[in-house]
Protein backbone atom coordinates (compact mmCIF):
# COMPACT_ATOMS: atom_id res chain seq x y z
CA MET A 1 34.77 20.19 11.93
CA LYS A 2 34.57 23.65 13.43
CA VAL A 3 34.06 26.72 11.24
CA SER A 4 32.41 30.13 11.30
CA CYS A 5 31.17 32.22 8.40
CA THR A 6 28.88 35.12 7.70
CA GLN A 7 25.18 34.42 7.39
CA GLU A 8 25.25 36.13 3.98
CA ASN A 9 27.95 33.83 2.57
CA LEU A 10 26.33 30.68 3.96
CA GLN A 11 22.94 31.72 2.62
CA LYS A 12 24.33 32.38 -0.88
CA GLY A 13 26.21 29.10 -0.93
CA LEU A 14 23.23 27.07 0.21
CA ALA A 15 20.98 28.77 -2.34
CA ILE A 16 23.35 27.61 -5.10
CA VAL A 17 23.52 23.94 -4.12
CA SER A 18 20.19 23.30 -2.35
CA HIS A 19 18.38 23.48 -5.69
CA MET A 20 19.85 20.06 -6.46
CA VAL A 21 18.60 18.41 -3.25
CA GLN A 22 15.98 15.75 -3.94
CA PRO A 23 13.39 15.66 -1.10
CA ARG A 24 11.97 12.31 -2.26
CA ALA A 25 15.25 10.67 -3.17
CA THR A 26 15.51 6.90 -2.74
CA LEU A 27 18.90 7.36 -1.04
CA PRO A 28 18.49 9.41 2.18
CA VAL A 29 21.92 11.02 1.73
CA LEU A 30 20.70 12.67 -1.48
CA ASN A 31 18.39 14.78 0.70
CA ASN A 32 21.52 16.21 2.28
CA ILE A 33 24.14 18.82 1.53
CA LEU A 34 27.80 17.99 2.08
CA LEU A 35 29.71 20.57 4.13
CA LYS A 36 33.47 20.09 3.92
CA THR A 37 36.42 22.26 4.86
CA GLU A 38 38.91 22.66 2.04
CA LYS A 39 41.93 24.96 1.78
CA GLY A 40 40.68 27.38 4.40
CA ARG A 41 37.22 27.60 2.88
CA LEU A 42 33.91 25.80 3.31
CA LYS A 43 32.79 23.67 0.38
CA LEU A 44 29.08 22.96 -0.07
CA SER A 45 27.95 20.16 -2.40
CA ALA A 46 24.71 18.52 -3.52
CA THR A 47 23.90 15.93 -6.17
CA ASP A 48 21.03 13.90 -7.60
CA LEU A 49 23.48 11.45 -9.22
CA GLU A 50 22.87 13.07 -12.64
CA ILE A 51 24.10 16.57 -11.79
CA GLY A 52 26.50 17.58 -9.02
CA ILE A 53 26.97 21.16 -7.83
CA SER A 54 29.74 22.40 -5.53
CA THR A 55 30.54 25.92 -4.39
CA TRP A 56 33.14 27.40 -2.07
CA ILE A 57 32.50 30.16 0.46
CA GLY A 58 34.86 32.11 2.68
CA ALA A 59 34.99 30.83 6.27
CA LYS A 60 37.22 30.78 9.33
CA VAL A 61 38.29 27.16 9.74
CA GLU A 62 39.31 26.16 13.25
CA LYS A 63 39.07 22.41 12.74
CA GLU A 64 38.95 20.45 9.49
CA GLY A 65 36.13 18.01 8.80
CA ALA A 66 33.12 17.04 6.72
CA PHE A 67 29.46 16.19 7.36
CA THR A 68 26.13 16.02 5.55
CA CYS A 69 22.87 17.43 6.87
CA PRO A 70 19.34 17.85 5.45
CA GLY A 71 19.58 20.46 2.72
CA ARG A 72 16.14 21.99 3.05
CA LEU A 73 16.41 22.31 6.82
CA ILE A 74 19.80 24.03 6.94
CA ALA A 75 18.85 26.32 4.04
CA GLU A 76 15.59 27.42 5.69
CA TYR A 77 17.32 27.86 9.05
CA THR A 78 20.08 30.00 7.54
CA ASN A 79 17.65 32.09 5.46
CA THR A 80 15.63 32.93 8.58
CA ASN A 81 18.65 33.63 10.77
CA SER A 82 19.21 37.38 11.02
CA ASP A 83 22.53 37.24 12.90
CA LYS A 84 25.69 38.33 11.12
CA THR A 85 27.85 35.28 11.87
CA ILE A 86 27.01 31.60 12.22
CA LYS A 87 29.32 29.04 13.84
CA LEU A 88 29.15 25.40 12.76
CA GLU A 89 30.66 22.63 14.89
CA LEU A 90 30.37 18.87 14.46
CA LYS A 91 29.84 16.88 17.66
CA ASP A 92 28.80 13.21 17.78
CA GLN A 93 27.22 13.15 14.30
CA THR A 94 25.26 16.30 15.08
CA LEU A 95 25.96 19.71 13.58
CA ASN A 96 25.70 22.50 16.15
CA LEU A 97 24.82 25.91 14.72
CA THR A 98 25.19 28.92 17.00
CA SER A 99 24.85 32.65 16.50
CA ASP A 100 24.09 35.64 18.71
CA HIS A 101 20.38 34.88 19.09
CA PHE A 102 19.89 31.33 17.82
CA LYS A 103 21.08 27.79 18.46
CA ALA A 104 20.26 24.61 16.59
CA ASN A 105 21.39 20.99 16.48
CA ILE A 106 20.96 19.21 13.15
CA LYS A 107 21.41 15.47 12.80
CA GLY A 108 22.80 14.14 9.56
CA ILE A 109 24.72 11.39 7.80
CA GLU A 110 28.44 10.75 7.68
CA ALA A 111 30.29 12.40 4.81
CA SER A 112 31.68 9.02 3.71
CA GLU A 113 28.19 8.03 2.51
CA PHE A 114 27.85 11.06 0.23
CA PRO A 115 28.24 10.15 -3.48
CA LEU A 116 31.51 11.22 -5.04
CA ILE A 117 31.12 14.13 -7.47
CA PRO A 118 33.77 13.44 -10.14
CA GLU A 119 36.39 15.93 -11.23
CA LEU A 120 37.39 16.11 -14.87
CA ASN A 121 41.17 16.31 -15.12
CA LYS A 122 41.37 15.32 -18.77
CA GLY A 123 39.34 16.26 -21.80
CA ILE A 124 38.48 19.15 -24.09
CA SER A 125 38.70 22.58 -22.43
CA LEU A 126 37.18 25.82 -23.63
CA GLU A 127 36.52 29.22 -22.17
CA ILE A 128 33.73 31.54 -23.26
CA SER A 129 32.16 34.76 -22.06
CA ALA A 130 29.53 34.23 -19.37
CA ASN A 131 27.22 36.62 -21.23
CA ASP A 132 27.64 34.64 -24.45
CA LEU A 133 26.91 31.38 -22.64
CA ARG A 134 23.83 32.83 -20.96
CA GLU A 135 22.50 34.13 -24.26
CA ALA A 136 23.20 30.87 -26.09
CA ILE A 137 21.39 28.79 -23.46
CA THR A 138 18.41 31.15 -23.22
CA LYS A 139 17.91 31.24 -26.99
CA THR A 140 18.18 27.50 -27.63
CA ILE A 141 16.81 25.71 -24.57
CA ILE A 142 13.28 26.74 -25.59
CA ALA A 143 13.43 24.25 -28.47
CA CYS A 144 14.50 21.19 -26.44
CA ALA A 145 12.14 18.22 -26.42
CA VAL A 146 10.15 17.98 -23.20
CA ASP A 147 9.81 14.19 -23.15
CA GLU A 148 12.79 11.86 -23.40
CA THR A 149 11.45 9.30 -25.90
CA ARG A 150 14.32 10.48 -28.09
CA PRO A 151 17.02 11.36 -25.53
CA VAL A 152 19.24 13.23 -28.00
CA LEU A 153 16.47 15.79 -28.52
CA ALA A 154 16.13 16.41 -24.77
CA GLY A 155 19.35 18.37 -24.67
CA VAL A 156 21.41 21.14 -26.25
CA TYR A 157 23.85 20.08 -28.95
CA ILE A 158 27.15 21.99 -28.89
CA LYS A 159 29.70 21.78 -31.68
CA SER A 160 32.72 23.66 -32.93
CA GLU A 161 32.77 25.01 -36.45
CA ASN A 162 35.65 27.10 -37.77
CA LYS A 163 36.01 29.96 -35.28
CA LYS A 164 32.53 29.47 -33.85
CA ILE A 165 30.75 27.38 -31.27
CA LYS A 166 27.17 26.51 -32.18
CA PHE A 167 24.42 25.72 -29.68
CA VAL A 168 21.48 23.84 -31.21
CA ALA A 169 18.22 22.37 -29.91
CA THR A 170 15.21 20.85 -31.62
CA ASP A 171 12.08 18.93 -30.66
CA SER A 172 11.39 18.11 -34.35
CA TYR A 173 8.67 20.81 -34.53
CA ARG A 174 11.04 23.77 -34.21
CA LEU A 175 14.78 24.32 -34.07
CA ALA A 176 16.97 27.01 -32.52
CA GLU A 177 20.62 27.67 -33.35
CA LYS A 178 22.87 30.25 -31.72
CA SER A 179 26.44 30.84 -32.88
CA ILE A 180 29.14 32.32 -30.69
CA ASN A 181 32.11 33.93 -32.40
CA LEU A 182 35.46 33.13 -30.81
CA ALA A 183 37.43 36.28 -31.43
CA GLY A 184 40.10 36.07 -28.74
CA PRO A 185 43.09 33.70 -28.99
CA GLY A 186 43.33 30.90 -26.45
CA GLN A 187 39.59 30.61 -25.93
CA ILE A 188 39.55 27.18 -27.50
CA LYS A 189 42.46 24.87 -28.16
CA GLU A 190 40.69 21.83 -29.57
CA LYS A 191 38.88 21.61 -32.90
CA GLY A 192 36.15 19.39 -34.21
CA PHE A 193 34.26 18.51 -31.05
CA SER A 194 30.55 17.97 -30.47
CA PHE A 195 28.47 16.79 -27.51
CA ILE A 196 24.92 16.95 -26.10
CA ILE A 197 24.16 18.36 -22.64
CA PRO A 198 20.81 17.55 -20.97
CA GLN A 199 18.25 20.35 -20.99
CA ARG A 200 17.98 20.21 -17.21
CA THR A 201 21.72 20.76 -16.82
CA MET A 202 21.61 23.76 -19.13
CA ALA A 203 18.73 25.21 -17.13
CA GLU A 204 20.82 24.87 -13.96
CA ILE A 205 23.82 26.54 -15.61
CA ASN A 206 21.59 29.39 -16.75
CA ARG A 207 20.33 29.81 -13.19
CA LEU A 208 23.89 29.98 -11.85
CA LEU A 209 25.24 32.44 -14.42
CA ASP A 210 25.49 35.44 -12.15
CA GLU A 211 25.66 38.83 -13.86
CA THR A 212 28.99 39.50 -12.13
CA LEU A 213 30.64 36.53 -13.85
CA GLU A 214 32.93 37.42 -16.74
CA LYS A 215 33.79 33.99 -18.08
CA ALA A 216 32.81 30.34 -17.94
CA GLU A 217 35.21 27.44 -18.23
CA ILE A 218 33.92 24.21 -19.76
CA LYS A 219 35.67 20.84 -19.70
CA ILE A 220 34.29 17.88 -21.63
CA GLY A 221 35.23 14.32 -20.80
CA GLU A 222 34.21 11.03 -22.35
CA ASN A 223 30.69 11.03 -20.90
CA GLN A 224 30.64 14.02 -18.57
CA VAL A 225 30.90 17.80 -18.70
CA GLN A 226 32.15 20.22 -16.07
CA PHE A 227 31.33 23.92 -15.86
CA LYS A 228 33.40 26.23 -13.70
CA LEU A 229 31.49 29.41 -12.91
CA GLY A 230 33.58 31.47 -10.51
CA PRO A 231 33.54 29.67 -7.13
CA THR A 232 30.93 27.18 -8.34
CA GLU A 233 31.43 23.95 -10.28
CA VAL A 234 28.76 21.83 -11.98
CA VAL A 235 29.37 18.30 -13.22
CA SER A 236 26.79 16.53 -15.37
CA ARG A 237 26.49 13.46 -17.54
CA LEU A 238 26.37 13.91 -21.29
CA ILE A 239 23.63 12.46 -23.48
CA GLU A 240 24.91 9.57 -25.57
CA GLY A 241 23.90 9.28 -29.19
CA SER A 242 24.09 11.21 -32.46
CA PHE A 243 22.27 14.50 -32.91
CA PRO A 244 20.18 14.68 -36.10
CA ASP A 245 21.66 16.28 -39.21
CA TYR A 246 19.64 19.39 -38.49
CA GLU A 247 21.14 21.63 -41.17
CA GLN A 248 19.23 19.83 -43.90
CA ILE A 249 15.91 21.21 -42.61
CA ILE A 250 17.08 24.82 -42.66
CA PRO A 251 15.63 26.26 -45.89
CA SER A 252 18.31 27.15 -48.43
CA SER A 253 16.11 29.54 -50.41
CA THR A 254 13.52 32.19 -49.63
CA LYS A 255 10.46 33.20 -51.67
CA THR A 256 8.92 35.60 -49.15
CA GLN A 257 10.80 37.81 -46.68
CA VAL A 258 9.11 39.98 -44.08
CA THR A 259 10.54 42.47 -41.57
CA LEU A 260 8.27 43.65 -38.80
CA SER A 261 8.12 44.99 -35.25
CA LYS A 262 8.81 42.23 -32.74
CA ASN A 263 6.55 43.71 -30.04
CA GLN A 264 3.62 44.34 -32.39
CA PHE A 265 3.94 40.85 -33.83
CA ALA A 266 4.09 39.29 -30.35
CA ASN A 267 1.04 41.25 -29.20
CA ALA A 268 -0.99 40.19 -32.26
CA LEU A 269 0.01 36.56 -31.75
CA LYS A 270 -0.96 36.66 -28.07
CA MET A 271 -4.34 38.08 -29.05
CA ALA A 272 -4.86 35.31 -31.58
CA SER A 273 -3.65 32.61 -29.19
CA PHE A 274 -6.59 33.29 -26.87
CA PHE A 275 -8.84 31.96 -29.64
CA ALA A 276 -6.49 29.17 -30.70
CA ARG A 277 -6.20 27.25 -27.45
CA GLU A 278 -8.63 24.54 -28.54
CA SER A 279 -6.97 24.07 -31.92
CA ALA A 280 -3.38 23.32 -30.81
CA ASN A 281 -2.46 27.05 -30.92
CA ASN A 282 -3.03 27.05 -34.67
CA VAL A 283 -2.98 30.57 -36.13
CA LYS A 284 -3.03 31.57 -39.78
CA ILE A 285 -0.76 34.38 -40.98
CA SER A 286 -1.24 36.13 -44.32
CA PHE A 287 1.42 38.32 -45.90
CA LYS A 288 -0.02 40.60 -48.60
CA LYS A 289 2.03 43.19 -50.43
CA PRO A 290 2.98 45.85 -50.07
CA ASP A 291 2.87 45.80 -46.24
CA ASN A 292 -0.22 44.04 -44.85
CA VAL A 293 0.16 41.26 -42.26
CA GLN A 294 -2.99 39.53 -40.99
CA ILE A 295 -3.14 37.04 -38.14
CA THR A 296 -6.34 35.03 -37.64
CA ALA A 297 -7.50 32.36 -35.23
CA VAL A 298 -10.83 30.54 -35.37
CA SER A 299 -12.52 28.41 -32.71
CA PRO A 300 -15.94 26.85 -33.45
CA GLN A 301 -16.75 26.93 -29.73
CA ILE A 302 -15.36 30.35 -28.75
CA GLY A 303 -15.30 32.59 -31.80
CA ASP A 304 -12.64 34.14 -33.99
CA ASN A 305 -10.06 36.90 -34.02
CA LEU A 306 -8.34 39.02 -36.67
CA SER A 307 -5.29 41.19 -36.03
CA GLN A 308 -3.62 43.40 -38.61
CA MET A 309 -0.24 45.08 -38.66
CA SER A 310 2.22 46.43 -41.17
CA GLY A 311 5.53 44.96 -42.24
CA GLU A 312 8.05 45.19 -45.05
CA ILE A 313 7.13 42.37 -47.44
CA SER A 314 9.27 41.35 -50.40
CA GLY A 315 8.86 38.41 -52.76
CA GLU A 316 5.67 36.38 -53.11
CA GLU A 317 2.46 36.86 -51.15
CA LEU A 318 1.83 33.92 -48.84
CA GLU A 319 -0.58 32.42 -46.31
CA ILE A 320 0.78 29.97 -43.74
CA ALA A 321 -0.24 28.46 -40.38
CA PHE A 322 1.99 28.09 -37.33
CA ASN A 323 1.80 27.16 -33.68
CA ALA A 324 1.49 30.59 -32.03
CA LYS A 325 3.24 29.46 -28.84
CA PHE A 326 6.30 28.32 -30.75
CA ILE A 327 6.66 31.73 -32.41
CA LEU A 328 6.09 33.54 -29.11
CA ASP A 329 8.84 31.45 -27.51
CA ALA A 330 11.29 32.75 -30.10
CA LEU A 331 10.12 36.35 -29.89
CA GLY A 332 10.50 36.16 -26.11
CA VAL A 333 14.27 35.58 -26.32
CA ILE A 334 15.06 37.98 -29.17
CA GLU A 335 16.20 41.40 -27.94
CA ASN A 336 16.07 43.22 -31.28
CA GLU A 337 13.16 45.54 -31.95
CA GLU A 338 12.62 44.05 -35.41
CA VAL A 339 12.51 40.45 -36.60
CA SER A 340 12.89 38.94 -40.03
CA ILE A 341 10.71 36.07 -41.27
CA GLU A 342 11.88 34.02 -44.23
CA LEU A 343 9.43 31.69 -46.01
CA SER A 344 9.70 29.41 -49.02
CA GLY A 345 6.14 28.07 -49.21
CA SER A 346 2.99 27.42 -47.19
CA LEU A 347 4.10 23.88 -46.32
CA ALA A 348 7.82 24.57 -45.89
CA PRO A 349 9.62 25.48 -42.64
CA GLY A 350 9.79 29.16 -41.79
CA VAL A 351 12.85 30.92 -40.39
CA ILE A 352 12.72 33.67 -37.78
CA ARG A 353 15.81 35.78 -37.10
CA PRO A 354 16.58 38.98 -35.24
CA ALA A 355 16.82 41.69 -37.92
CA LYS A 356 20.45 42.24 -38.96
CA ASP A 357 21.76 39.40 -36.76
CA LYS A 358 23.14 36.34 -38.52
CA ASN A 359 24.17 34.52 -35.33
CA TYR A 360 20.70 33.31 -34.35
CA LEU A 361 17.98 31.53 -36.24
CA TYR A 362 14.77 29.78 -35.26
CA VAL A 363 13.16 27.31 -37.65
CA ILE A 364 9.51 26.42 -37.18
CA MET A 365 7.48 23.78 -39.01
CA PRO A 366 4.14 24.93 -40.50
CA LEU A 367 0.77 23.43 -39.63
CA ARG A 368 -1.60 22.04 -42.23
CA THR A 369 -4.88 23.93 -42.49
CA GLU A 370 -8.28 22.72 -43.62
CA GLU A 371 -9.54 24.64 -46.57
């Protein structure tokens, strides 16, 4: 293998794949990045056996070949190299890197020992806007379960419904659902699909969704999913199992509806959360007509806090307790200036939505309070 490429291209490519390198991997080759010439370009790949990432960068290929070398080392070396062009040449299982002011020899492992990252040639294919995908991931991943005692809750559930794709996540304490409208023809050919993608995979996809990307192509196989994001491809396993029938916990009726400023609400909750740390972030919210919203937090050891703000309240007056962090997570991903809160009782789930936006909802379970 003998290639040359710009330091900028090599640095960008390594930044994309090196995130998947496992420094304490049981297999030494998983510490490495695969460099392989392919169709006049240089392909960089890394995998942890659960997720595989590959990206292609422009390069001048003088001799075809493939080799793996320690991912962290080559990434740090390239990041620090200030020369415009870097030449890479494989000699006797050692990768020689040369540029105007620097030379390095990096020992590695033969490419034949690198795990195969599968390619999905068959399966369901869909294409969606990169902005829509980024928004859907950001707004739902916050509700994924952190532990994997119930694996199906440690991922994002994606399903088709009429002319929409729905992204859903829940940890059984809160639930987030984001709908994407498929307006353009040809975006999706198959109907009636559903699958669960691990939270970690979705976090990686979100990281790789560059603002310059216009679209994302998704292919779903029997137990794997492939994302094509411009010159980068990500392959991941799917989570096996059935996602809960989540729609049954979304309240069908509303007794109290409140519209208020997102920023004011978030600020009041943050203030209360300082006093609620020792009580599992438990804050009490009172909605009193015509427009009074009170947020209180009490700690026997620290003290107490009361915040007041105004909001448009319709329906019944109500007092309810929530986990302040869970509400703040939702407010943190909503762009609208106003949010709507729908309640049907002090012990029933509450629904938070961006005002005048029916494509996102966040359901949160209430906390029981001691009278």
